Amino acid sequence: MKRAKIFGYVACIISLTAGIAFVYNVFYSVGFASNISIENLSDCTFYSITIPISLIALLFLGTGFWVGWTILTIKVVPPMPELKEKKDNSKVKAFFLCLLTLALGLLFIYGICIRSYWALAIPAAIASLIILGIIFWVGIAIITTRTTLPKKNK
């Protein structure tokens, strides 16, 4: 087996193992029903954890709101006559996207204000699992890529 494929398998195995361990340790080991609070942390530790996660979460939610707002406020060219019978629901979907991201942003900020464990765990889980998914995808791409190098003629 070629070295690149071995690295692909290693990347897949490590990302799957890390993802499963992360989900288990963040969610299942503490229990979904438990009321975990991180009030025992010092202010310095709390903010060193909270600030990076908050920036990423609010940036993601802000981008979603911006996309919805752009769709709501953009002036569009009227559709072609043959497409008149087709309904355009993009403005309604954009409105609900704005409402959803605004509500999630407010809920996130409230969770941070009361120092909720879940307010930090859920965005951290989403970011971590996306990164591990990308690593897994790269591993699969390495495994399934064919090499088509020409053979040397003597």
Protein backbone atom coordinates (compact mmCIF):
# COMPACT_ATOMS: atom_id res chain seq x y z
CA MET A 1 0.00 0.00 0.00
CA LYS A 2 1.30 3.45 -0.89
CA ARG A 3 2.37 5.90 1.79
CA ALA A 4 -0.29 8.48 0.81
CA LYS A 5 -3.08 5.95 1.28
CA ILE A 6 -1.68 4.98 4.67
CA PHE A 7 -1.73 8.66 5.70
CA GLY A 8 -5.31 8.88 4.42
CA TYR A 9 -6.38 5.92 6.55
CA VAL A 10 -4.54 7.34 9.56
CA ALA A 11 -6.28 10.73 9.11
CA CYS A 12 -9.69 9.02 8.89
CA ILE A 13 -9.11 6.83 11.92
CA ILE A 14 -7.74 9.67 14.06
CA SER A 15 -10.53 12.09 13.10
CA LEU A 16 -13.24 9.50 13.75
CA THR A 17 -11.71 8.52 17.08
CA ALA A 18 -11.27 12.14 18.15
CA GLY A 19 -14.83 13.00 17.10
CA ILE A 20 -16.33 10.10 19.03
CA ALA A 21 -14.20 10.89 22.09
CA PHE A 22 -15.16 14.56 21.90
CA VAL A 23 -18.89 13.88 21.71
CA TYR A 24 -18.68 11.35 24.53
CA ASN A 25 -16.66 13.58 26.86
CA VAL A 26 -18.55 16.81 26.19
CA PHE A 27 -22.09 15.48 26.10
CA TYR A 28 -22.56 11.94 27.37
CA SER A 29 -20.14 11.91 30.28
CA VAL A 30 -21.81 14.97 31.83
CA GLY A 31 -25.36 13.97 30.91
CA PHE A 32 -27.84 16.00 28.93
CA ALA A 33 -30.20 16.56 31.85
CA SER A 34 -27.59 17.77 34.31
CA ASN A 35 -27.44 21.45 35.13
CA ILE A 36 -23.73 22.10 34.75
CA SER A 37 -22.43 25.56 35.52
CA ILE A 38 -18.91 26.82 35.08
CA GLU A 39 -19.11 29.31 37.92
CA ASN A 40 -16.21 27.57 39.67
CA LEU A 41 -13.77 28.84 37.06
CA SER A 42 -11.83 32.02 37.72
CA ASP A 43 -12.78 35.02 35.61
CA CYS A 44 -9.52 34.82 33.64
CA THR A 45 -10.07 31.16 32.77
CA PHE A 46 -13.74 31.71 31.93
CA TYR A 47 -13.00 34.58 29.56
CA SER A 48 -10.05 32.81 27.95
CA ILE A 49 -12.45 30.03 27.01
CA THR A 50 -15.45 32.23 26.27
CA ILE A 51 -13.94 34.91 24.05
CA PRO A 52 -12.66 32.68 21.20
CA ILE A 53 -15.78 30.52 21.18
CA SER A 54 -18.01 33.61 21.31
CA LEU A 55 -16.20 35.28 18.43
CA ILE A 56 -16.55 32.22 16.22
CA ALA A 57 -20.20 31.60 17.17
CA LEU A 58 -21.23 35.24 16.73
CA LEU A 59 -19.31 35.50 13.45
CA PHE A 60 -21.13 32.42 12.16
CA LEU A 61 -24.53 33.72 13.31
CA GLY A 62 -23.75 37.20 11.99
CA THR A 63 -22.90 35.76 8.60
CA GLY A 64 -26.21 33.89 8.54
CA PHE A 65 -28.09 37.07 9.47
CA TRP A 66 -26.18 39.05 6.84
CA VAL A 67 -27.07 36.53 4.12
CA GLY A 68 -30.74 36.65 5.11
CA TRP A 69 -30.73 40.45 5.28
CA THR A 70 -29.06 40.70 1.87
CA ILE A 71 -31.70 38.44 0.32
CA LEU A 72 -34.47 40.46 1.98
CA THR A 73 -33.21 43.87 0.84
CA ILE A 74 -31.86 43.14 -2.63
CA LYS A 75 -33.75 44.39 -5.64
CA VAL A 76 -34.25 41.58 -8.12
CA VAL A 77 -35.04 41.62 -11.79
CA PRO A 78 -38.57 40.37 -12.50
CA PRO A 79 -38.58 36.75 -13.66
CA MET A 80 -39.03 35.73 -17.24
CA PRO A 81 -42.67 35.41 -18.34
CA GLU A 82 -42.46 31.62 -18.61
CA LEU A 83 -41.38 31.44 -14.94
CA LYS A 84 -44.21 33.64 -13.60
CA GLU A 85 -46.24 30.70 -12.32
CA LYS A 86 -43.37 29.51 -10.11
CA LYS A 87 -43.57 30.98 -6.60
CA ASP A 88 -40.51 32.65 -5.13
CA ASN A 89 -40.21 31.88 -1.41
CA SER A 90 -36.72 33.29 -1.00
CA LYS A 91 -37.87 36.40 0.90
CA VAL A 92 -39.86 34.30 3.40
CA LYS A 93 -36.95 31.92 3.91
CA ALA A 94 -34.56 34.85 4.32
CA PHE A 95 -36.87 36.42 6.92
CA PHE A 96 -36.92 33.19 8.93
CA LEU A 97 -33.14 32.89 8.58
CA CYS A 98 -32.78 36.38 10.07
CA LEU A 99 -35.19 35.54 12.91
CA LEU A 100 -33.47 32.23 13.65
CA THR A 101 -29.95 33.66 13.71
CA LEU A 102 -31.06 36.61 15.83
CA ALA A 103 -32.81 34.31 18.32
CA LEU A 104 -29.82 31.95 18.49
CA GLY A 105 -27.47 34.89 18.98
CA LEU A 106 -29.55 36.27 21.83
CA LEU A 107 -29.85 32.81 23.40
CA PHE A 108 -26.09 32.35 23.12
CA ILE A 109 -25.36 35.72 24.74
CA TYR A 110 -27.82 34.94 27.54
CA GLY A 111 -26.11 31.58 28.09
CA ILE A 112 -22.72 33.28 28.31
CA CYS A 113 -24.07 35.86 30.77
CA ILE A 114 -25.32 33.14 33.13
CA ARG A 115 -22.11 31.12 32.56
CA SER A 116 -23.88 28.11 31.13
CA TYR A 117 -21.77 25.08 30.23
CA TRP A 118 -23.98 24.32 27.22
CA ALA A 119 -23.59 27.83 25.80
CA LEU A 120 -19.90 27.05 25.32
CA ALA A 121 -20.10 23.30 24.69
CA ILE A 122 -22.49 23.40 21.73
CA PRO A 123 -20.58 25.97 19.61
CA ALA A 124 -17.28 24.30 20.50
CA ALA A 125 -18.73 20.95 19.48
CA ILE A 126 -20.00 22.30 16.18
CA ALA A 127 -16.63 23.90 15.34
CA SER A 128 -14.63 20.85 16.45
CA LEU A 129 -16.80 18.36 14.58
CA ILE A 130 -16.67 20.45 11.41
CA ILE A 131 -12.87 20.54 11.58
CA LEU A 132 -12.72 16.78 12.24
CA GLY A 133 -15.13 16.22 9.36
CA ILE A 134 -12.86 18.19 7.04
CA ILE A 135 -9.88 16.09 8.15
CA PHE A 136 -11.91 12.93 7.53
CA TRP A 137 -12.91 14.20 4.07
CA VAL A 138 -9.27 14.94 3.21
CA GLY A 139 -8.35 11.43 4.36
CA ILE A 140 -11.04 9.90 2.13
CA ALA A 141 -9.84 12.07 -0.77
CA ILE A 142 -6.28 10.83 -0.26
CA ILE A 143 -7.44 7.21 -0.08
CA THR A 144 -9.60 7.34 -3.22
CA THR A 145 -7.33 9.44 -5.43
CA ARG A 146 -5.67 7.54 -8.25
CA THR A 147 -2.16 8.29 -9.28
CA THR A 148 -1.70 8.42 -13.01
CA LEU A 149 1.99 9.02 -13.32
CA PRO A 150 3.47 7.80 -16.59
CA LYS A 151 5.82 4.84 -16.40
CA LYS A 152 9.38 5.43 -17.48
CA ASN A 153 10.42 3.73 -20.71
CA LYS A 154 13.93 2.30 -20.78
